[in-house]
C-alpha atoms as a PDB file:
ATOM      1  CA  MET A   1     -23.293 -47.150 -27.433  1.00  0.00           C
ATOM      2  CA  ARG A   2     -22.934 -45.278 -23.623  1.00  0.00           C
ATOM      3  CA  ILE A   3     -25.420 -45.199 -21.654  1.00  0.00           C
ATOM      4  CA  ALA A   4     -25.981 -42.131 -18.777  1.00  0.00           C
ATOM      5  CA  PRO A   5     -25.986 -43.421 -15.484  1.00  0.00           C
ATOM      6  CA  ARG A   6     -29.303 -43.801 -13.540  1.00  0.00           C
ATOM      7  CA  LEU A   7     -30.689 -41.048 -11.091  1.00  0.00           C
ATOM      8  CA  GLU A   8     -32.507 -42.064  -7.655  1.00  0.00           C
ATOM      9  CA  LEU A   9     -33.531 -39.021  -6.009  1.00  0.00           C
ATOM     10  CA  SER A  10     -34.689 -39.131  -1.848  1.00  0.00           C
ATOM     11  CA  ALA A  11     -38.084 -36.442  -1.291  1.00  0.00           C
ATOM     12  CA  ALA A  12     -35.762 -34.329   0.574  1.00  0.00           C
ATOM     13  CA  VAL A  13     -33.578 -33.999  -2.502  1.00  0.00           C
ATOM     14  CA  GLN A  14     -35.589 -33.889  -4.592  1.00  0.00           C
ATOM     15  CA  ARG A  15     -37.648 -30.896  -2.410  1.00  0.00           C
ATOM     16  CA  GLU A  16     -34.656 -29.011  -2.824  1.00  0.00           C
ATOM     17  CA  LEU A  17     -33.829 -29.084  -5.920  1.00  0.00           C
ATOM     18  CA  THR A  18     -37.603 -28.154  -6.929  1.00  0.00           C
ATOM     19  CA  ALA A  19     -36.544 -25.193  -5.127  1.00  0.00           C
ATOM     20  CA  LEU A  20     -33.562 -23.956  -6.023  1.00  0.00           C
ATOM     21  CA  ALA A  21     -34.260 -25.299  -9.720  1.00  0.00           C
ATOM     22  CA  CYS A  22     -37.353 -22.334  -8.541  1.00  0.00           C
ATOM     23  CA  ARG A  23     -36.161 -19.788  -6.371  1.00  0.00           C
ATOM     24  CA  GLY A  24     -35.539 -16.218  -7.508  1.00  0.00           C
ATOM     25  CA  ARG A  25     -31.929 -14.872  -6.121  1.00  0.00           C
ATOM     26  CA  VAL A  26     -30.635 -17.804  -7.400  1.00  0.00           C
ATOM     27  CA  GLU A  27     -27.113 -17.823  -9.794  1.00  0.00           C
ATOM     28  CA  ALA A  28     -28.884 -19.257 -13.616  1.00  0.00           C
ATOM     29  CA  ARG A  29     -26.751 -21.766 -13.782  1.00  0.00           C
ATOM     30  CA  ALA A  30     -27.185 -23.363 -10.916  1.00  0.00           C
ATOM     31  CA  GLN A  31     -31.013 -23.237 -11.758  1.00  0.00           C
ATOM     32  CA  GLN A  32     -30.180 -24.739 -14.911  1.00  0.00           C
ATOM     33  CA  ARG A  33     -28.384 -27.552 -13.201  1.00  0.00           C
ATOM     34  CA  ALA A  34     -30.781 -28.168 -10.590  1.00  0.00           C
ATOM     35  CA  LYS A  35     -33.757 -28.944 -13.436  1.00  0.00           C
ATOM     36  CA  ILE A  36     -30.769 -30.667 -15.196  1.00  0.00           C
ATOM     37  CA  VAL A  37     -30.702 -33.461 -12.281  1.00  0.00           C
ATOM     38  CA  LEU A  38     -34.452 -33.556 -11.976  1.00  0.00           C
ATOM     39  CA  LEU A  39     -35.088 -34.127 -15.620  1.00  0.00           C
ATOM     40  CA  ALA A  40     -32.981 -37.345 -15.189  1.00  0.00           C
ATOM     41  CA  ALA A  41     -34.373 -38.238 -12.444  1.00  0.00           C
ATOM     42  CA  GLN A  42     -37.396 -38.550 -13.994  1.00  0.00           C
ATOM     43  CA  GLY A  43     -36.143 -40.754 -16.696  1.00  0.00           C
ATOM     44  CA  TRP A  44     -34.995 -38.521 -19.252  1.00  0.00           C
ATOM     45  CA  GLN A  45     -32.389 -39.137 -21.920  1.00  0.00           C
ATOM     46  CA  ASN A  46     -29.266 -36.481 -22.084  1.00  0.00           C
ATOM     47  CA  LYS A  47     -29.763 -35.304 -25.604  1.00  0.00           C
ATOM     48  CA  ASP A  48     -33.468 -34.647 -24.457  1.00  0.00           C
ATOM     49  CA  ILE A  49     -32.738 -33.189 -20.993  1.00  0.00           C
ATOM     50  CA  ALA A  50     -29.806 -30.994 -23.754  1.00  0.00           C
ATOM     51  CA  ALA A  51     -32.780 -29.768 -25.685  1.00  0.00           C
ATOM     52  CA  GLU A  52     -34.891 -28.366 -22.886  1.00  0.00           C
ATOM     53  CA  VAL A  53     -32.277 -26.507 -21.025  1.00  0.00           C
ATOM     54  CA  ASP A  54     -30.506 -25.270 -24.223  1.00  0.00           C
ATOM     55  CA  LEU A  55     -27.241 -27.273 -23.164  1.00  0.00           C
ATOM     56  CA  GLY A  56     -25.212 -29.499 -25.242  1.00  0.00           C
ATOM     57  CA  ARG A  57     -25.145 -32.702 -24.495  1.00  0.00           C
ATOM     58  CA  SER A  58     -21.764 -33.403 -23.245  1.00  0.00           C
ATOM     59  CA  GLN A  59     -22.668 -30.597 -20.984  1.00  0.00           C
ATOM     60  CA  VAL A  60     -25.913 -32.458 -19.706  1.00  0.00           C
ATOM     61  CA  ALA A  61     -23.202 -35.543 -19.402  1.00  0.00           C
ATOM     62  CA  LEU A  62     -21.186 -33.720 -16.862  1.00  0.00           C
ATOM     63  CA  TRP A  63     -23.698 -32.177 -14.190  1.00  0.00           C
ATOM     64  CA  ARG A  64     -25.578 -35.615 -13.801  1.00  0.00           C
ATOM     65  CA  GLN A  65     -22.196 -37.437 -13.093  1.00  0.00           C
ATOM     66  CA  ARG A  66     -20.947 -34.549 -10.587  1.00  0.00           C
ATOM     67  CA  PHE A  67     -24.176 -34.558  -8.854  1.00  0.00           C
ATOM     68  CA  LEU A  68     -23.702 -38.471  -8.256  1.00  0.00           C
ATOM     69  CA  ASP A  69     -20.213 -37.897  -7.153  1.00  0.00           C
ATOM     70  CA  GLY A  70     -20.598 -34.336  -4.679  1.00  0.00           C
ATOM     71  CA  GLY A  71     -25.216 -34.310  -4.591  1.00  0.00           C
ATOM     72  CA  VAL A  72     -26.329 -30.499  -4.558  1.00  0.00           C
ATOM     73  CA  GLU A  73     -23.973 -29.052  -3.402  1.00  0.00           C
ATOM     74  CA  SER A  74     -21.612 -30.165  -6.414  1.00  0.00           C
ATOM     75  CA  LEU A  75     -23.935 -28.075  -7.763  1.00  0.00           C
ATOM     76  CA  MET A  76     -23.576 -24.546  -6.777  1.00  0.00           C
ATOM     77  CA  HIS A  77     -20.355 -24.527  -7.804  1.00  0.00           C
ATOM     78  CA  ASP A  78     -17.640 -25.263 -10.759  1.00  0.00           C
ATOM     79  CA  ALA A  79     -14.879 -27.306 -10.018  1.00  0.00           C
ATOM     80  CA  PRO A  80     -11.095 -25.652 -10.084  1.00  0.00           C
ATOM     81  CA  ARG A  81      -9.267 -25.226 -13.081  1.00  0.00           C
ATOM     82  CA  PRO A  82      -5.047 -25.292 -13.391  1.00  0.00           C
ATOM     83  CA  GLY A  83      -5.007 -22.423 -15.550  1.00  0.00           C
ATOM     84  CA  ARG A  84      -1.741 -20.809 -16.222  1.00  0.00           C
ATOM     85  CA  THR A  85       1.761 -21.194 -14.066  1.00  0.00           C
ATOM     86  CA  PRO A  86       1.583 -18.105 -11.889  1.00  0.00           C
ATOM     87  CA  SER A  87       4.122 -15.473 -12.831  1.00  0.00           C
ATOM     88  CA  VAL A  88       4.441 -14.589  -9.027  1.00  0.00           C
ATOM     89  CA  THR A  89       6.024 -17.444  -7.309  1.00  0.00           C
ATOM     90  CA  ALA A  90       5.842 -17.177  -3.233  1.00  0.00           C
ATOM     91  CA  GLU A  91      10.094 -16.242  -2.772  1.00  0.00           C
ATOM     92  CA  LEU A  92       8.900 -13.301  -5.181  1.00  0.00           C
ATOM     93  CA  GLU A  93       5.440 -12.940  -2.884  1.00  0.00           C
ATOM     94  CA  SER A  94       7.401 -12.744  -0.248  1.00  0.00           C
ATOM     95  CA  SER A  95      10.460 -10.619  -1.349  1.00  0.00           C
ATOM     96  CA  ILE A  96       8.408  -7.800  -2.373  1.00  0.00           C
ATOM     97  CA  VAL A  97       6.361  -7.970   0.645  1.00  0.00           C
ATOM     98  CA  ASP A  98       9.566  -8.136   3.038  1.00  0.00           C
ATOM     99  CA  LYS A  99      11.275  -4.992   1.263  1.00  0.00           C
ATOM    100  CA  SER A 100       7.874  -3.267   1.123  1.00  0.00           C
ATOM    101  CA  LEU A 101       8.526  -3.172   4.354  1.00  0.00           C
ATOM    102  CA  HIS A 102      11.685  -3.237   5.932  1.00  0.00           C
ATOM    103  CA  ASP A 103      13.009  -0.741   2.925  1.00  0.00           C
ATOM    104  CA  LYS A 104      13.105   2.947   1.570  1.00  0.00           C
ATOM    105  CA  PRO A 105      13.619   4.471  -1.739  1.00  0.00           C
ATOM    106  CA  ILE A 106      17.156   6.431  -1.750  1.00  0.00           C
ATOM    107  CA  ALA A 107      15.248   9.436  -2.794  1.00  0.00           C
ATOM    108  CA  ALA A 108      11.556   9.412  -0.688  1.00  0.00           C
ATOM    109  CA  THR A 109       9.558   8.533   2.233  1.00  0.00           C
ATOM    110  CA  HIS A 110       7.632   5.096   0.372  1.00  0.00           C
ATOM    111  CA  TRP A 111       7.612   3.508  -2.421  1.00  0.00           C
ATOM    112  CA  SER A 112       5.030   4.011  -5.851  1.00  0.00           C
ATOM    113  CA  THR A 113       4.581   0.377  -7.522  1.00  0.00           C
ATOM    114  CA  ARG A 114       6.135   2.188 -10.595  1.00  0.00           C
ATOM    115  CA  THR A 115       9.535   2.571  -8.675  1.00  0.00           C
ATOM    116  CA  PHE A 116       9.256  -0.505  -6.533  1.00  0.00           C
ATOM    117  CA  ALA A 117       8.814  -2.199 -10.144  1.00  0.00           C
ATOM    118  CA  ALA A 118      11.730  -0.496 -11.416  1.00  0.00           C
ATOM    119  CA  GLN A 119      13.530  -1.189  -8.402  1.00  0.00           C
ATOM    120  CA  LEU A 120      12.395  -5.047  -8.803  1.00  0.00           C
ATOM    121  CA  GLY A 121      12.612  -5.364 -12.186  1.00  0.00           C
ATOM    122  CA  VAL A 122       9.148  -6.290 -12.042  1.00  0.00           C
ATOM    123  CA  GLY A 123       5.955  -5.206 -13.298  1.00  0.00           C
ATOM    124  CA  PRO A 124       3.664  -2.430 -11.745  1.00  0.00           C
ATOM    125  CA  THR A 125       1.220  -4.827 -12.623  1.00  0.00           C
ATOM    126  CA  THR A 126       2.323  -7.639 -10.065  1.00  0.00           C
ATOM    127  CA  ILE A 127       3.124  -4.690  -7.460  1.00  0.00           C
ATOM    128  CA  ARG A 128      -0.421  -3.736  -7.468  1.00  0.00           C
ATOM    129  CA  ARG A 129      -0.958  -7.356  -6.440  1.00  0.00           C
ATOM    130  CA  VAL A 130       1.037  -8.290  -4.133  1.00  0.00           C
ATOM    131  CA  TRP A 131      -0.110  -5.075  -2.080  1.00  0.00           C
ATOM    132  CA  GLN A 132      -3.126  -5.346  -2.854  1.00  0.00           C
ATOM    133  CA  SER A 133      -3.614  -9.441  -1.248  1.00  0.00           C
ATOM    134  CA  ASN A 134      -1.578  -8.876   1.522  1.00  0.00           C
ATOM    135  CA  GLY A 135      -3.039  -5.322   3.181  1.00  0.00           C
ATOM    136  CA  LEU A 136      -0.728  -2.668   2.172  1.00  0.00           C
ATOM    137  CA  LYS A 137      -1.164   0.283   1.499  1.00  0.00           C
ATOM    138  CA  PRO A 138       2.601   1.915   1.452  1.00  0.00           C
ATOM    139  CA  HIS A 139       0.858   5.950  -0.405  1.00  0.00           C
ATOM    140  CA  ARG A 140      -1.448   6.062   2.977  1.00  0.00           C
ATOM    141  CA  GLN A 141      -0.186   7.464   6.741  1.00  0.00           C
ATOM    142  CA  SER A 142      -2.504   7.643   9.259  1.00  0.00           C
ATOM    143  CA  SER A 143      -1.723   9.730  12.836  1.00  0.00           C
ATOM    144  CA  PHE A 144      -1.522   8.474  16.719  1.00  0.00           C
ATOM    145  CA  LYS A 145      -0.651  10.667  19.751  1.00  0.00           C
ATOM    146  CA  PHE A 146      -0.333   8.746  23.159  1.00  0.00           C
ATOM    147  CA  SER A 147      -0.681  10.458  26.531  1.00  0.00           C
ATOM    148  CA  HIS A 148       1.861   9.723  28.474  1.00  0.00           C
ATOM    149  CA  ASP A 149       0.909  11.053  31.502  1.00  0.00           C
ATOM    150  CA  PRO A 150       1.373   9.384  34.733  1.00  0.00           C
ATOM    151  CA  ARG A 151      -2.442   9.514  35.770  1.00  0.00           C
ATOM    152  CA  PHE A 152      -3.879   8.558  32.530  1.00  0.00           C
ATOM    153  CA  GLU A 153      -5.753   5.994  33.643  1.00  0.00           C
ATOM    154  CA  ASP A 154      -6.886   7.417  36.930  1.00  0.00           C
ATOM    155  CA  LYS A 155      -8.756  10.970  34.310  1.00  0.00           C
ATOM    156  CA  LEU A 156      -9.315   8.016  31.956  1.00  0.00           C
ATOM    157  CA  LEU A 157     -11.535   6.859  34.925  1.00  0.00           C
ATOM    158  CA  ASP A 158     -12.791   9.783  35.836  1.00  0.00           C
ATOM    159  CA  ALA A 159     -13.803  11.142  31.923  1.00  0.00           C
ATOM    160  CA  VAL A 160     -16.076   8.482  31.305  1.00  0.00           C
ATOM    161  CA  GLY A 161     -17.529   7.855  34.877  1.00  0.00           C
ATOM    162  CA  LEU A 162     -18.680  11.799  34.493  1.00  0.00           C
ATOM    163  CA  TYR A 163     -19.976  10.767  30.878  1.00  0.00           C
ATOM    164  CA  LEU A 164     -20.948   7.319  31.919  1.00  0.00           C
ATOM    165  CA  ASN A 165     -22.355   7.374  35.394  1.00  0.00           C
ATOM    166  CA  PRO A 166     -22.937  11.431  36.790  1.00  0.00           C
ATOM    167  CA  ARG A 167     -22.982  11.850  39.799  1.00  0.00           C
ATOM    168  CA  GLU A 168     -26.720  12.351  41.822  1.00  0.00           C
ATOM    169  CA  ARG A 169     -27.857  16.019  40.127  1.00  0.00           C
ATOM    170  CA  ALA A 170     -24.998  17.030  39.296  1.00  0.00           C
ATOM    171  CA  LEU A 171     -24.982  19.181  35.633  1.00  0.00           C
ATOM    172  CA  VAL A 172     -21.399  17.504  33.387  1.00  0.00           C
ATOM    173  CA  LEU A 173     -20.388  20.261  31.254  1.00  0.00           C
ATOM    174  CA  SER A 174     -17.327  19.286  28.415  1.00  0.00           C
ATOM    175  CA  TYR A 175     -15.558  22.786  27.551  1.00  0.00           C
ATOM    176  CA  ASP A 176     -13.080  24.143  26.039  1.00  0.00           C
ATOM    177  CA  GLU A 177     -11.796  26.826  23.132  1.00  0.00           C
ATOM    178  CA  LYS A 178     -11.419  26.650  19.855  1.00  0.00           C
ATOM    179  CA  ILE A 179      -8.699  29.110  19.291  1.00  0.00           C
ATOM    180  CA  GLN A 180      -7.593  30.887  16.254  1.00  0.00           C
ATOM    181  CA  ILE A 181     -10.566  30.700  14.320  1.00  0.00           C
ATOM    182  CA  GLN A 182      -9.769  33.015  10.786  1.00  0.00           C
ATOM    183  CA  ALA A 183     -12.012  35.196   8.940  1.00  0.00           C
ATOM    184  CA  LEU A 184     -11.261  33.995   5.878  1.00  0.00           C
ATOM    185  CA  ASN A 185     -12.593  36.191   2.717  1.00  0.00           C
ATOM    186  CA  ARG A 186     -12.755  34.681  -0.522  1.00  0.00           C
ATOM    187  CA  THR A 187     -10.733  37.102  -3.392  1.00  0.00           C
ATOM    188  CA  GLN A 188     -13.203  35.432  -5.963  1.00  0.00           C
ATOM    189  CA  SER A 189     -16.247  35.326  -5.791  1.00  0.00           C
ATOM    190  CA  GLY A 190     -17.213  31.328  -6.542  1.00  0.00           C
ATOM    191  CA  LEU A 191     -19.784  28.947  -8.946  1.00  0.00           C
ATOM    192  CA  PRO A 192     -22.244  26.707  -7.584  1.00  0.00           C
ATOM    193  CA  MET A 193     -22.367  23.588  -8.271  1.00  0.00           C
ATOM    194  CA  LYS A 194     -24.374  22.194 -11.260  1.00  0.00           C
ATOM    195  CA  LYS A 195     -24.658  18.823 -12.650  1.00  0.00           C
ATOM    196  CA  GLY A 196     -21.612  17.022 -12.630  1.00  0.00           C
ATOM    197  CA  ARG A 197     -19.653  19.492 -11.282  1.00  0.00           C
ATOM    198  CA  ALA A 198     -18.866  19.966  -7.783  1.00  0.00           C
ATOM    199  CA  GLY A 199     -19.092  23.959  -6.454  1.00  0.00           C
ATOM    200  CA  THR A 200     -15.722  25.994  -6.375  1.00  0.00           C
ATOM    201  CA  VAL A 201     -13.787  28.283  -4.058  1.00  0.00           C
ATOM    202  CA  THR A 202     -10.701  30.018  -4.889  1.00  0.00           C
ATOM    203  CA  HIS A 203      -7.809  28.751  -3.286  1.00  0.00           C
ATOM    204  CA  ASP A 204      -6.273  32.507  -1.196  1.00  0.00           C
ATOM    205  CA  TYR A 205      -8.443  33.876   0.284  1.00  0.00           C
ATOM    206  CA  LYS A 206      -7.663  37.778   2.359  1.00  0.00           C
ATOM    207  CA  ARG A 207      -7.336  37.206   6.124  1.00  0.00           C
ATOM    208  CA  HIS A 208      -9.564  39.812   8.654  1.00  0.00           C
ATOM    209  CA  GLY A 209      -8.762  38.184  11.807  1.00  0.00           C
ATOM    210  CA  THR A 210      -9.000  36.005  14.464  1.00  0.00           C
ATOM    211  CA  THR A 211     -12.008  34.719  17.291  1.00  0.00           C
ATOM    212  CA  THR A 212     -11.392  32.579  20.037  1.00  0.00           C
ATOM    213  CA  LEU A 213     -14.851  29.815  21.123  1.00  0.00           C
ATOM    214  CA  PHE A 214     -15.557  29.300  24.276  1.00  0.00           C
ATOM    215  CA  ALA A 215     -17.963  26.675  24.520  1.00  0.00           C
ATOM    216  CA  ALA A 216     -19.693  23.989  27.014  1.00  0.00           C
ATOM    217  CA  LEU A 217     -21.121  21.617  25.782  1.00  0.00           C
ATOM    218  CA  ASN A 218     -24.231  19.637  28.363  1.00  0.00           C
ATOM    219  CA  THR A 219     -23.766  16.388  27.920  1.00  0.00           C
ATOM    220  CA  LEU A 220     -26.823  15.592  29.261  1.00  0.00           C
ATOM    221  CA  ASP A 221     -29.236  17.241  26.290  1.00  0.00           C
ATOM    222  CA  GLY A 222     -26.333  18.122  24.017  1.00  0.00           C
ATOM    223  CA  THR A 223     -27.072  22.400  24.326  1.00  0.00           C
ATOM    224  CA  VAL A 224     -24.264  23.952  24.583  1.00  0.00           C
ATOM    225  CA  ILE A 225     -23.012  27.374  26.567  1.00  0.00           C
ATOM    226  CA  SER A 226     -20.818  30.132  24.013  1.00  0.00           C
ATOM    227  CA  MET A 227     -19.220  32.599  23.772  1.00  0.00           C
ATOM    228  CA  CYS A 228     -16.891  34.653  21.260  1.00  0.00           C
ATOM    229  CA  GLN A 229     -13.926  36.559  22.479  1.00  0.00           C
ATOM    230  CA  GLN A 230     -10.832  38.047  20.833  1.00  0.00           C
ATOM    231  CA  GLN A 231      -8.105  35.894  23.356  1.00  0.00           C
ATOM    232  CA  HIS A 232      -8.419  33.569  25.668  1.00  0.00           C
ATOM    233  CA  ARG A 233      -6.387  34.456  28.363  1.00  0.00           C
ATOM    234  CA  HIS A 234      -7.374  33.837  31.470  1.00  0.00           C
ATOM    235  CA  GLU A 235      -9.652  36.958  32.311  1.00  0.00           C
ATOM    236  CA  GLU A 236     -12.066  35.818  29.534  1.00  0.00           C
ATOM    237  CA  TRP A 237     -11.441  32.565  31.518  1.00  0.00           C
ATOM    238  CA  LEU A 238     -13.223  34.078  34.067  1.00  0.00           C
ATOM    239  CA  SER A 239     -15.736  35.837  31.961  1.00  0.00           C
ATOM    240  CA  PHE A 240     -16.723  32.919  30.989  1.00  0.00           C
ATOM    241  CA  LEU A 241     -17.298  31.234  33.936  1.00  0.00           C
ATOM    242  CA  ARG A 242     -19.630  33.819  35.068  1.00  0.00           C
ATOM    243  CA  LEU A 243     -21.260  33.165  32.426  1.00  0.00           C
ATOM    244  CA  ILE A 244     -22.097  29.176  33.406  1.00  0.00           C
ATOM    245  CA  GLN A 245     -22.644  30.965  36.403  1.00  0.00           C
ATOM    246  CA  ARG A 246     -25.677  32.676  35.402  1.00  0.00           C
ATOM    247  CA  ARG A 247     -27.126  30.011  33.056  1.00  0.00           C
ATOM    248  CA  ALA A 248     -25.953  26.765  34.586  1.00  0.00           C
ATOM    249  CA  PRO A 249     -28.123  25.295  37.796  1.00  0.00           C
ATOM    250  CA  LYS A 250     -26.340  24.372  41.488  1.00  0.00           C
ATOM    251  CA  HIS A 251     -23.690  21.257  40.835  1.00  0.00           C
ATOM    252  CA  LEU A 252     -21.548  21.611  38.211  1.00  0.00           C
ATOM    253  CA  GLN A 253     -19.240  19.181  37.049  1.00  0.00           C
ATOM    254  CA  LEU A 254     -16.797  20.625  34.311  1.00  0.00           C
ATOM    255  CA  MET A 255     -14.615  18.683  31.892  1.00  0.00           C
ATOM    256  CA  MET A 256     -11.753  20.089  30.431  1.00  0.00           C
ATOM    257  CA  ASP A 257      -8.470  19.984  29.167  1.00  0.00           C
ATOM    258  CA  ASN A 258      -4.758  21.324  30.934  1.00  0.00           C
ATOM    259  CA  TYR A 259      -4.869  25.121  29.536  1.00  0.00           C
ATOM    260  CA  GLY A 260      -2.789  26.963  31.420  1.00  0.00           C
ATOM    261  CA  THR A 261      -5.509  29.565  31.949  1.00  0.00           C
ATOM    262  CA  HIS A 262      -7.985  27.698  33.989  1.00  0.00           C
ATOM    263  CA  THR A 263      -5.436  26.910  36.674  1.00  0.00           C
ATOM    264  CA  HIS A 264      -4.551  30.748  36.226  1.00  0.00           C
ATOM    265  CA  PRO A 265      -4.270  31.697  40.600  1.00  0.00           C
ATOM    266  CA  GLU A 266      -7.040  34.075  39.962  1.00  0.00           C
ATOM    267  CA  VAL A 267      -9.150  31.369  38.331  1.00  0.00           C
ATOM    268  CA  ARG A 268      -8.219  29.356  41.474  1.00  0.00           C
ATOM    269  CA  ALA A 269      -8.976  31.752  43.441  1.00  0.00           C
ATOM    270  CA  TRP A 270     -12.331  32.195  41.684  1.00  0.00           C
ATOM    271  CA  LEU A 271     -13.211  28.457  42.219  1.00  0.00           C
ATOM    272  CA  ALA A 272     -12.136  28.650  46.025  1.00  0.00           C
ATOM    273  CA  ARG A 273     -14.713  30.977  47.043  1.00  0.00           C
ATOM    274  CA  ARG A 274     -17.837  28.797  44.956  1.00  0.00           C
ATOM    275  CA  PRO A 275     -17.656  25.103  45.764  1.00  0.00           C
ATOM    276  CA  ARG A 276     -20.308  24.304  43.236  1.00  0.00           C
ATOM    277  CA  PHE A 277     -18.009  24.386  40.714  1.00  0.00           C
ATOM    278  CA  VAL A 278     -16.008  20.945  40.262  1.00  0.00           C
ATOM    279  CA  MET A 279     -13.291  20.432  37.809  1.00  0.00           C
ATOM    280  CA  HIS A 280     -11.951  17.764  36.328  1.00  0.00           C
ATOM    281  CA  PHE A 281      -8.905  17.143  33.775  1.00  0.00           C
ATOM    282  CA  THR A 282      -8.198  15.451  30.964  1.00  0.00           C
ATOM    283  CA  ALA A 283      -5.134  13.134  30.236  1.00  0.00           C
ATOM    284  CA  THR A 284      -2.596  15.245  29.018  1.00  0.00           C
ATOM    285  CA  SER A 285      -2.329  14.412  25.359  1.00  0.00           C
ATOM    286  CA  ALA A 286      -5.990  13.451  25.002  1.00  0.00           C
ATOM    287  CA  SER A 287      -8.444  15.528  23.715  1.00  0.00           C
ATOM    288  CA  TRP A 288     -10.594  13.028  22.475  1.00  0.00           C
ATOM    289  CA  LEU A 289     -11.370  12.568  26.440  1.00  0.00           C
ATOM    290  CA  ASN A 290     -13.279  16.338  25.581  1.00  0.00           C
ATOM    291  CA  MET A 291     -16.770  15.703  24.538  1.00  0.00           C
ATOM    292  CA  VAL A 292     -17.049  19.531  23.052  1.00  0.00           C
ATOM    293  CA  GLU A 293     -14.390  18.427  20.229  1.00  0.00           C
ATOM    294  CA  ARG A 294     -16.827  17.097  18.397  1.00  0.00           C
ATOM    295  CA  PHE A 295     -19.114  20.232  18.866  1.00  0.00           C
ATOM    296  CA  PHE A 296     -16.174  21.734  17.462  1.00  0.00           C
ATOM    297  CA  ARG A 297     -16.164  19.539  14.546  1.00  0.00           C
ATOM    298  CA  ASP A 298     -19.694  20.258  13.603  1.00  0.00           C
ATOM    299  CA  VAL A 299     -19.351  23.742  13.081  1.00  0.00           C
ATOM    300  CA  SER A 300     -16.057  23.971  11.275  1.00  0.00           C
ATOM    301  CA  GLU A 301     -17.820  21.585   9.048  1.00  0.00           C
ATOM    302  CA  SER A 302     -20.904  23.026   8.699  1.00  0.00           C
ATOM    303  CA  ARG A 303     -20.710  26.983   8.986  1.00  0.00           C
ATOM    304  CA  ILE A 304     -17.002  28.191   8.992  1.00  0.00           C
ATOM    305  CA  ARG A 305     -14.906  26.035   7.031  1.00  0.00           C
ATOM    306  CA  ARG A 306     -16.727  26.762   3.624  1.00  0.00           C
ATOM    307  CA  ASP A 307     -17.767  30.153   3.498  1.00  0.00           C
ATOM    308  CA  SER A 308     -16.597  33.396   3.489  1.00  0.00           C
ATOM    309  CA  PHE A 309     -16.699  36.104   5.967  1.00  0.00           C
ATOM    310  CA  THR A 310     -15.923  39.874   5.283  1.00  0.00           C
ATOM    311  CA  SER A 311     -15.005  40.957   8.820  1.00  0.00           C
ATOM    312  CA  VAL A 312     -14.173  39.354  12.571  1.00  0.00           C
ATOM    313  CA  LEU A 313     -18.534  40.558  13.342  1.00  0.00           C
ATOM    314  CA  GLU A 314     -19.625  38.573  10.757  1.00  0.00           C
ATOM    315  CA  LEU A 315     -17.718  35.321  12.032  1.00  0.00           C
ATOM    316  CA  GLU A 316     -18.927  35.587  15.457  1.00  0.00           C
ATOM    317  CA  LEU A 317     -21.987  36.014  14.602  1.00  0.00           C
ATOM    318  CA  ALA A 318     -22.803  33.023  12.427  1.00  0.00           C
ATOM    319  CA  ILE A 319     -21.020  31.092  14.510  1.00  0.00           C
ATOM    320  CA  ASP A 320     -23.785  32.511  17.760  1.00  0.00           C
ATOM    321  CA  LEU A 321     -26.982  31.589  14.666  1.00  0.00           C
ATOM    322  CA  TYR A 322     -25.479  28.178  14.227  1.00  0.00           C
ATOM    323  CA  VAL A 323     -25.495  27.723  18.083  1.00  0.00           C
ATOM    324  CA  ALA A 324     -28.683  29.019  18.599  1.00  0.00           C
ATOM    325  CA  HIS A 325     -30.052  26.302  15.705  1.00  0.00           C
ATOM    326  CA  HIS A 326     -27.956  24.026  17.603  1.00  0.00           C
ATOM    327  CA  ASN A 327     -29.712  24.517  20.786  1.00  0.00           C
ATOM    328  CA  ALA A 328     -33.781  25.406  18.897  1.00  0.00           C
ATOM    329  CA  ASN A 329     -33.029  20.910  18.779  1.00  0.00           C
ATOM    330  CA  PRO A 330     -30.477  19.284  20.198  1.00  0.00           C
ATOM    331  CA  LYS A 331     -28.897  16.911  20.090  1.00  0.00           C
ATOM    332  CA  PRO A 332     -26.990  15.229  22.774  1.00  0.00           C
ATOM    333  CA  PHE A 333     -23.114  12.760  21.999  1.00  0.00           C
ATOM    334  CA  ILE A 334     -23.630   8.983  23.627  1.00  0.00           C
ATOM    335  CA  TRP A 335     -20.799   7.995  24.979  1.00  0.00           C
ATOM    336  CA  THR A 336     -20.217   4.664  23.854  1.00  0.00           C
ATOM    337  CA  LYS A 337     -17.080   3.112  24.935  1.00  0.00           C
ATOM    338  CA  SER A 338     -16.400   1.847  28.460  1.00  0.00           C
ATOM    339  CA  ALA A 339     -12.637   2.650  30.622  1.00  0.00           C
ATOM    340  CA  THR A 340     -12.346  -0.923  29.779  1.00  0.00           C
ATOM    341  CA  ASP A 341     -12.156  -1.442  26.533  1.00  0.00           C
ATOM    342  CA  ILE A 342     -10.137   2.101  25.888  1.00  0.00           C
ATOM    343  CA  LEU A 343      -7.417   0.775  28.285  1.00  0.00           C
ATOM    344  CA  ALA A 344      -7.672  -2.887  26.243  1.00  0.00           C
ATOM    345  CA  LYS A 345      -6.965  -0.239  22.842  1.00  0.00           C
ATOM    346  CA  VAL A 346      -3.690   1.708  24.097  1.00  0.00           C
ATOM    347  CA  THR A 347      -2.410  -1.369  25.832  1.00  0.00           C
ATOM    348  CA  ARG A 348      -2.929  -3.326  22.028  1.00  0.00           C
ATOM    349  CA  ALA A 349      -1.126  -0.071  20.683  1.00  0.00           C
END
């Protein structure tokens, strides 16, 4: 007759097993195994332990021996099982990955699981599993744009320096124009949102014209100076500069992009007579350096994109009301990335 091996527990192991058996956020099977070992250490026989923990006698004997071989840690995990022979060999997986990365289908721009499976003579599920295990997503594509400005680093340092360490008693304004904002009027009234269904709008619309939003974001407190104009020539830019002149204090640092009207001869002449305006320019193809772009995103998502406007005047009124509401309780956008971190990321890319 087989006799179960005797268990002797140290005080530390006894405390650990007792805590494991009573702990709330532990798998039930781990608690059950800890109880088996504790009862076995008290001299209980396997058949009595099996009745106590509602488990088969052979399973109790198994976990008694597992504890002797591996200690408390062995109770936390099942032993590895052999399982069936994998249907996807290492060679097939390597072939799928290589073809996914370097080949394209004849009549399409990217593979789908079904087209790829038909090409290789395997099931679509096999392709999906290999893609998932290797982090491949042929159906997705992201965009990028590198700045080839020869003075990119200098302009980056200038912009980040203004945001993180502005000059003493100088107001930093991030300026840009949001052009071609369309006053779109949906052809039919949409249905409101209800339980189980999103709100609806028609896919078609009537276009009632466009407007351009001129905006200067105060990077210190988040307030915005704005103006809507029908065009965005240097004349409108000068009008907005005069608005800034009336509303802003003495020393001004303006961050903007390289749009042609910003350096028009008449604009340069106007600025030359007002030395308190200091202009800073972002690098070419680096609009993300301009913090006001974040405000433009909020205007589009929160006020314009999902609404319907019967005229340009109605659109401009909606924008003005949004800016007034924003300025009533402004919250600045906080720039966190240092120039060193940005340059390192660009270098890696």
